[in-house]
C-alpha atoms as a PDB file:
ATOM      1  CA  MET A   1       0.000   0.000   0.000  1.00  0.00           C
ATOM      2  CA  ASN A   2       2.835   2.371   0.896  1.00  0.00           C
ATOM      3  CA  ASN A   3       4.536   1.567  -2.410  1.00  0.00           C
ATOM      4  CA  ILE A   4       1.410   2.607  -4.327  1.00  0.00           C
ATOM      5  CA  LYS A   5       1.134   5.798  -2.260  1.00  0.00           C
ATOM      6  CA  ASP A   6       4.804   6.623  -2.878  1.00  0.00           C
ATOM      7  CA  PHE A   7       4.343   5.987  -6.590  1.00  0.00           C
ATOM      8  CA  LEU A   8       1.262   8.233  -6.859  1.00  0.00           C
ATOM      9  CA  SER A   9       3.006  11.056  -4.953  1.00  0.00           C
ATOM     10  CA  SER A  10       6.101  11.062  -7.182  1.00  0.00           C
ATOM     11  CA  PRO A  11       6.052  13.674  -9.995  1.00  0.00           C
ATOM     12  CA  LYS A  12       8.583  11.699 -12.047  1.00  0.00           C
ATOM     13  CA  LYS A  13       6.787   8.341 -11.798  1.00  0.00           C
ATOM     14  CA  THR A  14       3.326   9.771 -12.451  1.00  0.00           C
ATOM     15  CA  ALA A  15       4.706  11.787 -15.396  1.00  0.00           C
ATOM     16  CA  ILE A  16       6.090   8.558 -16.874  1.00  0.00           C
ATOM     17  CA  LEU A  17       2.717   6.881 -16.274  1.00  0.00           C
ATOM     18  CA  GLY A  18       0.949   9.785 -18.001  1.00  0.00           C
ATOM     19  CA  LEU A  19       3.298   9.619 -20.995  1.00  0.00           C
ATOM     20  CA  ILE A  20       2.768   5.850 -21.385  1.00  0.00           C
ATOM     21  CA  VAL A  21      -1.044   5.950 -21.222  1.00  0.00           C
ATOM     22  CA  CYS A  22      -1.317   8.977 -23.547  1.00  0.00           C
ATOM     23  CA  SER A  23       0.999   7.333 -26.085  1.00  0.00           C
ATOM     24  CA  LEU A  24      -1.178   4.213 -25.828  1.00  0.00           C
ATOM     25  CA  MET A  25      -4.321   6.296 -26.454  1.00  0.00           C
ATOM     26  CA  LEU A  26      -2.816   7.842 -29.585  1.00  0.00           C
ATOM     27  CA  LEU A  27      -1.676   4.444 -30.865  1.00  0.00           C
ATOM     28  CA  LEU A  28      -5.077   2.826 -30.237  1.00  0.00           C
ATOM     29  CA  ASN A  29      -6.868   5.629 -32.051  1.00  0.00           C
ATOM     30  CA  PHE A  30      -4.798   4.956 -35.166  1.00  0.00           C
ATOM     31  CA  ILE A  31      -5.336   1.196 -34.845  1.00  0.00           C
ATOM     32  CA  ILE A  32      -9.120   1.673 -34.724  1.00  0.00           C
ATOM     33  CA  ASN A  33      -9.263   4.001 -37.708  1.00  0.00           C
ATOM     34  CA  PHE A  34      -5.967   4.812 -39.422  1.00  0.00           C
ATOM     35  CA  ASN A  35      -6.594   8.288 -40.751  1.00  0.00           C
ATOM     36  CA  ILE A  36      -4.517  11.430 -40.557  1.00  0.00           C
ATOM     37  CA  PHE A  37      -7.664  13.370 -39.571  1.00  0.00           C
ATOM     38  CA  ASN A  38      -7.741  11.360 -36.347  1.00  0.00           C
ATOM     39  CA  ILE A  39      -5.184  13.891 -35.125  1.00  0.00           C
ATOM     40  CA  LEU A  40      -8.046  16.393 -34.834  1.00  0.00           C
ATOM     41  CA  THR A  41      -9.861  14.154 -32.340  1.00  0.00           C
ATOM     42  CA  ASP A  42      -6.710  13.560 -30.295  1.00  0.00           C
ATOM     43  CA  LEU A  43      -5.123  17.008 -30.132  1.00  0.00           C
ATOM     44  CA  TYR A  44      -5.477  17.085 -26.354  1.00  0.00           C
ATOM     45  CA  VAL A  45      -3.733  13.697 -26.136  1.00  0.00           C
ATOM     46  CA  ILE A  46      -0.874  15.009 -28.291  1.00  0.00           C
ATOM     47  CA  GLY A  47      -0.681  18.035 -25.981  1.00  0.00           C
ATOM     48  CA  LEU A  48      -0.427  15.751 -22.945  1.00  0.00           C
ATOM     49  CA  ILE A  49       2.306  13.666 -24.602  1.00  0.00           C
ATOM     50  CA  ALA A  50       4.311  16.808 -25.458  1.00  0.00           C
ATOM     51  CA  TYR A  51       3.844  18.102 -21.899  1.00  0.00           C
ATOM     52  CA  PHE A  52       5.026  14.909 -20.202  1.00  0.00           C
ATOM     53  CA  ILE A  53       8.010  14.563 -22.581  1.00  0.00           C
ATOM     54  CA  ILE A  54       9.185  18.115 -21.826  1.00  0.00           C
ATOM     55  CA  VAL A  55       8.680  17.584 -18.065  1.00  0.00           C
ATOM     56  CA  LEU A  56      10.782  14.399 -18.096  1.00  0.00           C
ATOM     57  CA  ILE A  57      13.480  16.039 -20.216  1.00  0.00           C
ATOM     58  CA  LYS A  58      13.511  18.958 -17.765  1.00  0.00           C
ATOM     59  CA  MET A  59      14.211  16.546 -14.912  1.00  0.00           C
ATOM     60  CA  TYR A  60      17.472  15.563 -16.622  1.00  0.00           C
ATOM     61  CA  ASN A  61      18.275  18.820 -18.455  1.00  0.00           C
ATOM     62  CA  LYS A  62      17.719  22.095 -16.597  1.00  0.00           C
ATOM     63  CA  GLN A  63      18.070  24.138 -19.814  1.00  0.00           C
ATOM     64  CA  VAL A  64      14.550  23.239 -20.987  1.00  0.00           C
ATOM     65  CA  ASN A  65      11.878  25.875 -20.263  1.00  0.00           C
ATOM     66  CA  ILE A  66       8.918  24.219 -18.512  1.00  0.00           C
ATOM     67  CA  LYS A  67       6.641  27.147 -19.478  1.00  0.00           C
ATOM     68  CA  ILE A  68       6.695  25.845 -23.063  1.00  0.00           C
ATOM     69  CA  ALA A  69       5.141  22.574 -21.868  1.00  0.00           C
ATOM     70  CA  ASN A  70       2.469  24.462 -19.892  1.00  0.00           C
ATOM     71  CA  TYR A  71       1.402  26.577 -22.868  1.00  0.00           C
ATOM     72  CA  ILE A  72       1.444  23.622 -25.286  1.00  0.00           C
ATOM     73  CA  LEU A  73      -0.895  21.675 -23.002  1.00  0.00           C
ATOM     74  CA  ILE A  74      -3.354  24.544 -22.512  1.00  0.00           C
ATOM     75  CA  LEU A  75      -3.262  25.415 -26.227  1.00  0.00           C
ATOM     76  CA  ALA A  76      -3.940  21.790 -27.238  1.00  0.00           C
ATOM     77  CA  TYR A  77      -6.977  21.551 -24.940  1.00  0.00           C
ATOM     78  CA  SER A  78      -8.231  24.972 -26.098  1.00  0.00           C
ATOM     79  CA  ILE A  79      -8.062  23.984 -29.789  1.00  0.00           C
ATOM     80  CA  GLN A  80      -9.763  20.678 -28.955  1.00  0.00           C
ATOM     81  CA  LEU A  81     -12.544  22.587 -27.181  1.00  0.00           C
ATOM     82  CA  LEU A  82     -12.966  24.885 -30.173  1.00  0.00           C
ATOM     83  CA  LEU A  83     -13.173  21.928 -32.584  1.00  0.00           C
ATOM     84  CA  SER A  84     -15.672  20.209 -30.272  1.00  0.00           C
ATOM     85  CA  LEU A  85     -17.868  23.319 -30.236  1.00  0.00           C
ATOM     86  CA  ILE A  86     -17.700  23.643 -34.030  1.00  0.00           C
ATOM     87  CA  PHE A  87     -18.605  19.971 -34.459  1.00  0.00           C
ATOM     88  CA  ASN A  88     -21.618  20.245 -32.168  1.00  0.00           C
ATOM     89  CA  ILE A  89     -22.790  23.556 -33.625  1.00  0.00           C
ATOM     90  CA  GLY A  90     -22.657  21.870 -37.034  1.00  0.00           C
ATOM     91  CA  HIS A  91     -25.314  19.454 -35.769  1.00  0.00           C
ATOM     92  CA  LEU A  92     -27.638  22.227 -34.666  1.00  0.00           C
ATOM     93  CA  GLY A  93     -28.965  23.231 -38.073  1.00  0.00           C
ATOM     94  CA  PHE A  94     -31.724  25.787 -37.609  1.00  0.00           C
ATOM     95  CA  SER A  95     -33.664  23.879 -34.971  1.00  0.00           C
ATOM     96  CA  ARG A  96     -35.622  25.958 -32.480  1.00  0.00           C
ATOM     97  CA  TYR A  97     -34.085  24.003 -29.637  1.00  0.00           C
ATOM     98  CA  LEU A  98     -30.636  22.564 -29.220  1.00  0.00           C
ATOM     99  CA  GLY A  99     -32.150  19.137 -29.724  1.00  0.00           C
ATOM    100  CA  TYR A 100     -29.240  17.548 -31.509  1.00  0.00           C
ATOM    101  CA  ILE A 101     -26.874  18.234 -28.639  1.00  0.00           C
ATOM    102  CA  ASN A 102     -27.834  15.769 -25.940  1.00  0.00           C
ATOM    103  CA  PHE A 103     -26.501  15.525 -22.417  1.00  0.00           C
ATOM    104  CA  PHE A 104     -23.495  13.427 -23.515  1.00  0.00           C
ATOM    105  CA  ARG A 105     -22.238  16.005 -25.994  1.00  0.00           C
ATOM    106  CA  LEU A 106     -22.749  18.877 -23.583  1.00  0.00           C
ATOM    107  CA  PHE A 107     -20.772  17.116 -20.889  1.00  0.00           C
ATOM    108  CA  CYS A 108     -17.967  16.303 -23.355  1.00  0.00           C
ATOM    109  CA  ILE A 109     -17.636  20.044 -24.045  1.00  0.00           C
ATOM    110  CA  PHE A 110     -17.717  20.681 -20.295  1.00  0.00           C
ATOM    111  CA  ALA A 111     -15.002  18.028 -19.867  1.00  0.00           C
ATOM    112  CA  TYR A 112     -12.616  20.117 -22.009  1.00  0.00           C
ATOM    113  CA  ILE A 113     -13.427  23.391 -20.233  1.00  0.00           C
ATOM    114  CA  ILE A 114     -12.697  22.081 -16.715  1.00  0.00           C
ATOM    115  CA  PRO A 115      -9.146  20.808 -17.474  1.00  0.00           C
ATOM    116  CA  ILE A 116      -8.318  24.150 -19.154  1.00  0.00           C
ATOM    117  CA  LEU A 117      -9.420  26.063 -16.047  1.00  0.00           C
ATOM    118  CA  TYR A 118      -7.579  23.588 -13.824  1.00  0.00           C
ATOM    119  CA  PHE A 119      -4.347  23.902 -15.828  1.00  0.00           C
ATOM    120  CA  PHE A 120      -4.591  27.695 -15.652  1.00  0.00           C
ATOM    121  CA  ASN A 121      -4.888  27.271 -11.893  1.00  0.00           C
ATOM    122  CA  ILE A 122      -1.957  24.926 -11.211  1.00  0.00           C
ATOM    123  CA  LEU A 123       0.416  25.517 -14.129  1.00  0.00           C
ATOM    124  CA  LEU A 124       0.082  29.279 -14.631  1.00  0.00           C
ATOM    125  CA  ARG A 125      -0.866  30.055 -11.000  1.00  0.00           C
ATOM    126  CA  LYS A 126      -3.982  31.915 -12.062  1.00  0.00           C
ATOM    127  CA  LYS A 127      -7.227  32.253 -10.106  1.00  0.00           C
ATOM    128  CA  ASN A 128      -8.340  29.155  -8.207  1.00  0.00           C
ATOM    129  CA  PHE A 129     -11.176  28.158 -10.578  1.00  0.00           C
ATOM    130  CA  VAL A 130     -11.136  24.367 -10.069  1.00  0.00           C
ATOM    131  CA  ASN A 131      -9.647  22.173  -7.338  1.00  0.00           C
ATOM    132  CA  ASN A 132      -8.054  18.748  -7.799  1.00  0.00           C
ATOM    133  CA  LYS A 133     -11.048  16.730  -6.570  1.00  0.00           C
ATOM    134  CA  PHE A 134     -13.448  18.397  -9.011  1.00  0.00           C
ATOM    135  CA  PHE A 135     -10.942  17.905 -11.844  1.00  0.00           C
ATOM    136  CA  ALA A 136     -10.606  14.189 -11.030  1.00  0.00           C
ATOM    137  CA  VAL A 137     -14.390  13.684 -10.765  1.00  0.00           C
ATOM    138  CA  VAL A 138     -14.986  15.360 -14.147  1.00  0.00           C
ATOM    139  CA  ILE A 139     -12.337  13.198 -15.864  1.00  0.00           C
ATOM    140  CA  ILE A 140     -13.806  10.009 -14.366  1.00  0.00           C
ATOM    141  CA  ILE A 141     -17.412  10.947 -15.255  1.00  0.00           C
ATOM    142  CA  TYR A 142     -16.294  11.879 -18.775  1.00  0.00           C
ATOM    143  CA  THR A 143     -14.657   8.454 -19.140  1.00  0.00           C
ATOM    144  CA  VAL A 144     -17.768   6.657 -17.880  1.00  0.00           C
ATOM    145  CA  ILE A 145     -20.017   8.659 -20.229  1.00  0.00           C
ATOM    146  CA  GLU A 146     -17.769   7.900 -23.203  1.00  0.00           C
ATOM    147  CA  LEU A 147     -17.777   4.180 -22.318  1.00  0.00           C
ATOM    148  CA  VAL A 148     -21.570   4.087 -21.985  1.00  0.00           C
ATOM    149  CA  SER A 149     -22.030   6.054 -25.201  1.00  0.00           C
ATOM    150  CA  MET A 150     -19.561   3.819 -27.042  1.00  0.00           C
ATOM    151  CA  MET A 151     -21.257   0.616 -25.897  1.00  0.00           C
ATOM    152  CA  ARG A 152     -24.692   1.895 -26.940  1.00  0.00           C
ATOM    153  CA  TYR A 153     -23.900   3.558 -30.242  1.00  0.00           C
ATOM    154  CA  SER A 154     -20.495   2.361 -31.429  1.00  0.00           C
ATOM    155  CA  ILE A 155     -20.374   0.854 -34.911  1.00  0.00           C
ATOM    156  CA  TYR A 156     -16.820  -0.325 -34.458  1.00  0.00           C
ATOM    157  CA  GLY A 157     -15.975  -3.966 -33.877  1.00  0.00           C
ATOM    158  CA  ASN A 158     -12.966  -3.168 -31.658  1.00  0.00           C
ATOM    159  CA  VAL A 159     -14.937  -2.631 -28.471  1.00  0.00           C
ATOM    160  CA  GLU A 160     -12.124  -3.957 -26.256  1.00  0.00           C
ATOM    161  CA  ILE A 161      -9.651  -1.507 -27.790  1.00  0.00           C
ATOM    162  CA  LEU A 162     -12.065   1.386 -27.249  1.00  0.00           C
ATOM    163  CA  ILE A 163     -12.551   0.403 -23.595  1.00  0.00           C
ATOM    164  CA  ILE A 164      -8.765   0.465 -23.060  1.00  0.00           C
ATOM    165  CA  TYR A 165      -8.581   3.805 -24.917  1.00  0.00           C
ATOM    166  CA  TYR A 166     -11.140   5.550 -22.703  1.00  0.00           C
ATOM    167  CA  ILE A 167     -10.002   4.015 -19.404  1.00  0.00           C
ATOM    168  CA  SER A 168      -6.395   5.046 -20.131  1.00  0.00           C
ATOM    169  CA  TYR A 169      -7.392   8.704 -19.862  1.00  0.00           C
ATOM    170  CA  ILE A 170      -8.067   8.286 -16.125  1.00  0.00           C
ATOM    171  CA  PHE A 171      -4.364   7.630 -15.515  1.00  0.00           C
ATOM    172  CA  ILE A 172      -3.390  11.248 -16.198  1.00  0.00           C
ATOM    173  CA  ILE A 173      -5.156  12.158 -12.928  1.00  0.00           C
ATOM    174  CA  PRO A 174      -2.382  11.129 -10.442  1.00  0.00           C
ATOM    175  CA  TYR A 175       0.202  13.572 -11.840  1.00  0.00           C
ATOM    176  CA  PHE A 176      -2.042  16.652 -11.940  1.00  0.00           C
ATOM    177  CA  TYR A 177      -3.892  15.713  -8.726  1.00  0.00           C
ATOM    178  CA  ASN A 178      -0.582  15.432  -6.879  1.00  0.00           C
ATOM    179  CA  TYR A 179       0.673  18.687  -8.436  1.00  0.00           C
ATOM    180  CA  TYR A 180      -2.230  20.563  -6.828  1.00  0.00           C
ATOM    181  CA  LYS A 181      -1.671  18.921  -3.428  1.00  0.00           C
ATOM    182  CA  ILE A 182       2.011  19.879  -3.420  1.00  0.00           C
ATOM    183  CA  LEU A 183       1.182  23.480  -4.312  1.00  0.00           C
ATOM    184  CA  LYS A 184      -1.377  23.716  -1.488  1.00  0.00           C
ATOM    185  CA  GLY A 185       0.815  21.980   1.067  1.00  0.00           C
ATOM    186  CA  GLU A 186      -1.502  18.965   1.288  1.00  0.00           C
ATOM    187  CA  ASN A 187       1.158  16.455   0.302  1.00  0.00           C
ATOM    188  CA  LEU A 188       4.671  15.571   1.455  1.00  0.00           C
ATOM    189  CA  MET A 189       7.369  17.291  -0.567  1.00  0.00           C
ATOM    190  CA  GLU A 190       9.303  15.214  -3.060  1.00  0.00           C
ATOM    191  CA  LYS A 191      12.862  15.790  -4.247  1.00  0.00           C
ATOM    192  CA  LYS A 192      13.555  19.465  -4.738  1.00  0.00           C
ATOM    193  CA  GLU A 193      15.003  18.840  -8.211  1.00  0.00           C
ATOM    194  CA  GLU A 194      11.849  17.041  -9.379  1.00  0.00           C
ATOM    195  CA  LEU A 195       9.570  19.796  -8.125  1.00  0.00           C
ATOM    196  CA  GLU A 196      11.583  22.565  -9.733  1.00  0.00           C
ATOM    197  CA  ALA A 197      11.635  20.546 -12.955  1.00  0.00           C
ATOM    198  CA  ILE A 198       7.828  20.614 -13.157  1.00  0.00           C
ATOM    199  CA  GLY A 199       7.723  24.346 -12.420  1.00  0.00           C
ATOM    200  CA  ILE A 200       7.238  24.381  -8.631  1.00  0.00           C
ATOM    201  CA  LYS A 201       9.651  26.765  -6.916  1.00  0.00           C
ATOM    202  CA  VAL A 202      10.823  25.478  -3.518  1.00  0.00           C
ATOM    203  CA  VAL A 203      11.383  27.745  -0.486  1.00  0.00           C
ATOM    204  CA  LYS A 204      11.655  27.159   3.275  1.00  0.00           C
ATOM    205  CA  CYS A 205       9.044  27.578   6.010  1.00  0.00           C
ATOM    206  CA  LYS A 206       9.871  30.445   8.433  1.00  0.00           C
ATOM    207  CA  GLU A 207       8.995  28.291  11.446  1.00  0.00           C
ATOM    208  CA  CYS A 208      10.240  24.725  10.878  1.00  0.00           C
ATOM    209  CA  CYS A 209      12.540  25.451   7.890  1.00  0.00           C
ATOM    210  CA  LYS A 210      11.260  22.531   5.833  1.00  0.00           C
ATOM    211  CA  ASP A 211      11.036  22.764   2.034  1.00  0.00           C
ATOM    212  CA  ILE A 212       7.650  23.965   0.781  1.00  0.00           C
ATOM    213  CA  SER A 213       6.294  25.248  -2.520  1.00  0.00           C
ATOM    214  CA  GLU A 214       6.317  28.995  -3.145  1.00  0.00           C
ATOM    215  CA  GLU A 215       2.531  28.790  -3.556  1.00  0.00           C
ATOM    216  CA  GLU A 216       2.193  27.294  -0.065  1.00  0.00           C
ATOM    217  CA  PHE A 217       4.649  29.902   1.282  1.00  0.00           C
ATOM    218  CA  ASN A 218       2.527  32.757  -0.113  1.00  0.00           C
ATOM    219  CA  SER A 219      -0.814  31.195   0.868  1.00  0.00           C
ATOM    220  CA  TYR A 220       0.193  30.707   4.505  1.00  0.00           C
ATOM    221  CA  LYS A 221       2.155  33.950   4.995  1.00  0.00           C
ATOM    222  CA  GLY A 222       5.607  32.414   4.919  1.00  0.00           C
ATOM    223  CA  TYR A 223       4.771  29.248   6.866  1.00  0.00           C
ATOM    224  CA  CYS A 224       4.068  25.670   5.847  1.00  0.00           C
ATOM    225  CA  LYS A 225       0.459  24.548   6.192  1.00  0.00           C
ATOM    226  CA  ASN A 226       1.038  22.710   9.497  1.00  0.00           C
ATOM    227  CA  CYS A 227       2.840  25.609  11.199  1.00  0.00           C
ATOM    228  CA  TYR A 228       0.261  28.115   9.987  1.00  0.00           C
ATOM    229  CA  GLU A 229      -2.675  25.971  11.166  1.00  0.00           C
ATOM    230  CA  ASN A 230      -1.050  25.527  14.584  1.00  0.00           C
ATOM    231  CA  LYS A 231      -0.751  29.303  14.931  1.00  0.00           C
ATOM    232  CA  GLU A 232      -4.326  29.785  13.700  1.00  0.00           C
ATOM    233  CA  ASN A 233      -5.688  27.207  16.163  1.00  0.00           C
ATOM    234  CA  ILE A 234      -4.097  29.065  19.058  1.00  0.00           C
ATOM    235  CA  ALA A 235      -5.507  32.369  17.800  1.00  0.00           C
ATOM    236  CA  ASP A 236      -8.971  30.839  17.299  1.00  0.00           C
ATOM    237  CA  GLU A 237      -9.044  29.457  20.829  1.00  0.00           C
ATOM    238  CA  LYS A 238      -8.290  32.910  22.220  1.00  0.00           C
ATOM    239  CA  LYS A 239     -10.907  34.479  19.978  1.00  0.00           C
ATOM    240  CA  LEU A 240     -13.604  31.969  20.933  1.00  0.00           C
ATOM    241  CA  SER A 241     -12.940  32.549  24.613  1.00  0.00           C
ATOM    242  CA  ASN A 242     -13.744  36.253  24.103  1.00  0.00           C
ATOM    243  CA  GLN A 243     -16.917  35.898  22.048  1.00  0.00           C
ATOM    244  CA  GLU A 244     -19.981  33.734  21.667  1.00  0.00           C
ATOM    245  CA  LYS A 245     -21.585  32.483  18.503  1.00  0.00           C
ATOM    246  CA  ASN A 246     -24.950  34.013  17.759  1.00  0.00           C
ATOM    247  CA  LYS A 247     -27.444  31.125  17.617  1.00  0.00           C
ATOM    248  CA  ILE A 248     -29.902  32.975  15.389  1.00  0.00           C
ATOM    249  CA  ALA A 249     -27.103  33.847  12.933  1.00  0.00           C
ATOM    250  CA  SER A 250     -26.171  30.151  12.784  1.00  0.00           C
ATOM    251  CA  LYS A 251     -29.756  29.244  11.930  1.00  0.00           C
ATOM    252  CA  PHE A 252     -29.786  31.760   9.092  1.00  0.00           C
ATOM    253  CA  LYS A 253     -26.620  30.164   7.707  1.00  0.00           C
ATOM    254  CA  ILE A 254     -28.258  26.726   7.904  1.00  0.00           C
ATOM    255  CA  VAL A 255     -31.243  28.074   5.942  1.00  0.00           C
ATOM    256  CA  ALA A 256     -28.843  29.481   3.321  1.00  0.00           C
ATOM    257  CA  ASN A 257     -27.067  26.116   2.977  1.00  0.00           C
ATOM    258  CA  ILE A 258     -30.355  24.210   2.626  1.00  0.00           C
ATOM    259  CA  LEU A 259     -31.547  26.732   0.041  1.00  0.00           C
ATOM    260  CA  ARG A 260     -28.252  26.429  -1.828  1.00  0.00           C
ATOM    261  CA  PHE A 261     -28.500  22.617  -1.929  1.00  0.00           C
ATOM    262  CA  PHE A 262     -32.082  22.490  -3.227  1.00  0.00           C
ATOM    263  CA  GLY A 263     -31.711  25.503  -5.543  1.00  0.00           C
ATOM    264  CA  TYR A 264     -28.599  24.358  -7.383  1.00  0.00           C
ATOM    265  CA  GLY A 265     -29.874  20.780  -7.384  1.00  0.00           C
ATOM    266  CA  MET A 266     -33.140  21.907  -9.004  1.00  0.00           C
ATOM    267  CA  ALA A 267     -31.209  23.961 -11.595  1.00  0.00           C
ATOM    268  CA  ILE A 268     -29.081  20.964 -12.603  1.00  0.00           C
ATOM    269  CA  LEU A 269     -32.043  18.567 -12.607  1.00  0.00           C
ATOM    270  CA  TRP A 270     -34.176  20.945 -14.710  1.00  0.00           C
ATOM    271  CA  ALA A 271     -31.377  21.349 -17.275  1.00  0.00           C
ATOM    272  CA  ILE A 272     -30.713  17.586 -17.526  1.00  0.00           C
ATOM    273  CA  LEU A 273     -34.415  16.673 -17.915  1.00  0.00           C
ATOM    274  CA  HIS A 274     -34.977  19.207 -20.699  1.00  0.00           C
ATOM    275  CA  ILE A 275     -31.733  18.323 -22.486  1.00  0.00           C
ATOM    276  CA  ALA A 276     -32.770  14.669 -22.449  1.00  0.00           C
ATOM    277  CA  ASP A 277     -36.155  15.750 -23.853  1.00  0.00           C
ATOM    278  CA  TYR A 278     -34.430  17.608 -26.739  1.00  0.00           C
ATOM    279  CA  GLU A 279     -35.212  21.040 -25.298  1.00  0.00           C
ATOM    280  CA  ALA A 280     -31.697  22.028 -24.301  1.00  0.00           C
ATOM    281  CA  GLY A 281     -32.239  25.723 -25.031  1.00  0.00           C
ATOM    282  CA  ILE A 282     -35.048  26.068 -22.486  1.00  0.00           C
ATOM    283  CA  GLY A 283     -33.322  23.680 -20.073  1.00  0.00           C
ATOM    284  CA  ILE A 284     -30.058  25.629 -19.988  1.00  0.00           C
ATOM    285  CA  PHE A 285     -31.750  29.052 -19.863  1.00  0.00           C
ATOM    286  CA  VAL A 286     -34.135  28.195 -17.007  1.00  0.00           C
ATOM    287  CA  GLY A 287     -31.403  26.220 -15.202  1.00  0.00           C
ATOM    288  CA  ILE A 288     -29.090  29.251 -15.248  1.00  0.00           C
ATOM    289  CA  ALA A 289     -31.965  31.502 -14.108  1.00  0.00           C
ATOM    290  CA  ILE A 290     -32.708  29.193 -11.146  1.00  0.00           C
ATOM    291  CA  ALA A 291     -29.000  29.100 -10.243  1.00  0.00           C
ATOM    292  CA  ILE A 292     -28.769  32.931 -10.281  1.00  0.00           C
ATOM    293  CA  ILE A 293     -31.921  33.301  -8.140  1.00  0.00           C
ATOM    294  CA  THR A 294     -30.527  30.714  -5.708  1.00  0.00           C
ATOM    295  CA  TRP A 295     -27.199  32.550  -5.477  1.00  0.00           C
ATOM    296  CA  LEU A 296     -28.909  35.897  -4.763  1.00  0.00           C
ATOM    297  CA  SER A 297     -31.221  34.323  -2.174  1.00  0.00           C
ATOM    298  CA  CYS A 298     -28.315  32.652  -0.359  1.00  0.00           C
ATOM    299  CA  LEU A 299     -26.397  35.927  -0.448  1.00  0.00           C
ATOM    300  CA  PHE A 300     -29.359  37.654   1.230  1.00  0.00           C
ATOM    301  CA  TRP A 301     -29.641  35.081   4.061  1.00  0.00           C
ATOM    302  CA  GLU A 302     -25.874  35.010   4.622  1.00  0.00           C
ATOM    303  CA  ALA A 303     -25.775  38.813   4.778  1.00  0.00           C
ATOM    304  CA  ILE A 304     -28.402  38.729   7.557  1.00  0.00           C
ATOM    305  CA  ALA A 305     -26.399  36.065   9.412  1.00  0.00           C
ATOM    306  CA  GLU A 306     -23.169  38.106   9.141  1.00  0.00           C
ATOM    307  CA  ALA A 307     -24.951  41.257  10.355  1.00  0.00           C
ATOM    308  CA  LEU A 308     -26.374  39.432  13.391  1.00  0.00           C
ATOM    309  CA  GLN A 309     -22.978  37.936  14.214  1.00  0.00           C
ATOM    310  CA  LEU A 310     -21.348  41.362  13.897  1.00  0.00           C
ATOM    311  CA  LEU A 311     -23.874  42.841  16.341  1.00  0.00           C
ATOM    312  CA  GLU A 312     -23.136  39.972  18.751  1.00  0.00           C
ATOM    313  CA  ASP A 313     -19.389  40.621  18.508  1.00  0.00           C
ATOM    314  CA  ILE A 314     -19.890  44.343  19.163  1.00  0.00           C
ATOM    315  CA  LYS A 315     -22.089  43.520  22.161  1.00  0.00           C
ATOM    316  CA  ASN A 316     -19.450  41.213  23.670  1.00  0.00           C
ATOM    317  CA  LYS A 317     -16.617  43.765  23.397  1.00  0.00           C
END
């Protein structure tokens, strides 16, 4: 068990795993249908292969610029998303509703958008749009949807090859999942050389002097996650001893959370039911409207809760 954990936490080993499975995906695609235009359906796979090759070269040759790999990967996924949108729009015709784009196609488009946002987050250190758990869930659901769709509608005889092709995609998750955890200080640090090779700058914690990522250093004000949380726990204990939680404010927050759960759930359910019924236009529009109303309603209840808690804090001073 420890060996598997060590393997999954190693940037070098998971990069090698990613390179192998992506190369296998590209090879299988050509075996199924040998056609140069297959490159258009596997641009994101080619981007992943190029990324992992550059990362592994960087681990042995410090002259390689890792930023090139980052931009190649994001560009490949972006072009793949654009081609996917063009393909699906081509099926729309002039229908009143988006009937030709069913739930499967919509999610496949979504499954290109999420990795792009995630790569912007971890590779370019942009805004925290998507976390590692959401990224992993989307990749797994995408794989399951593709497998189900393939088994129901595939005209190919190489079903076994297609199953291997789609399942292989899941094995890119360990590398990028671990990358996020290292950045956020949620995972043990690996060799400094390996981390710097994949673009993670290593600095030292001000308290315990252990190696941490620059992202963790900035997020926790110069400390590692453990040292920062220890300091925060002490501060929280002192703060709680000087103030009491407002019970009414807590109830308002509970109402907001319940409203959020049912509101967003209804928005998603409404969209899925109408997409399945070939009324995607109405489904998406009303779903977004419900989500916006839910967000505003929750904001209102949370504002009341914060105001009540603020009054309680002022009273206890």
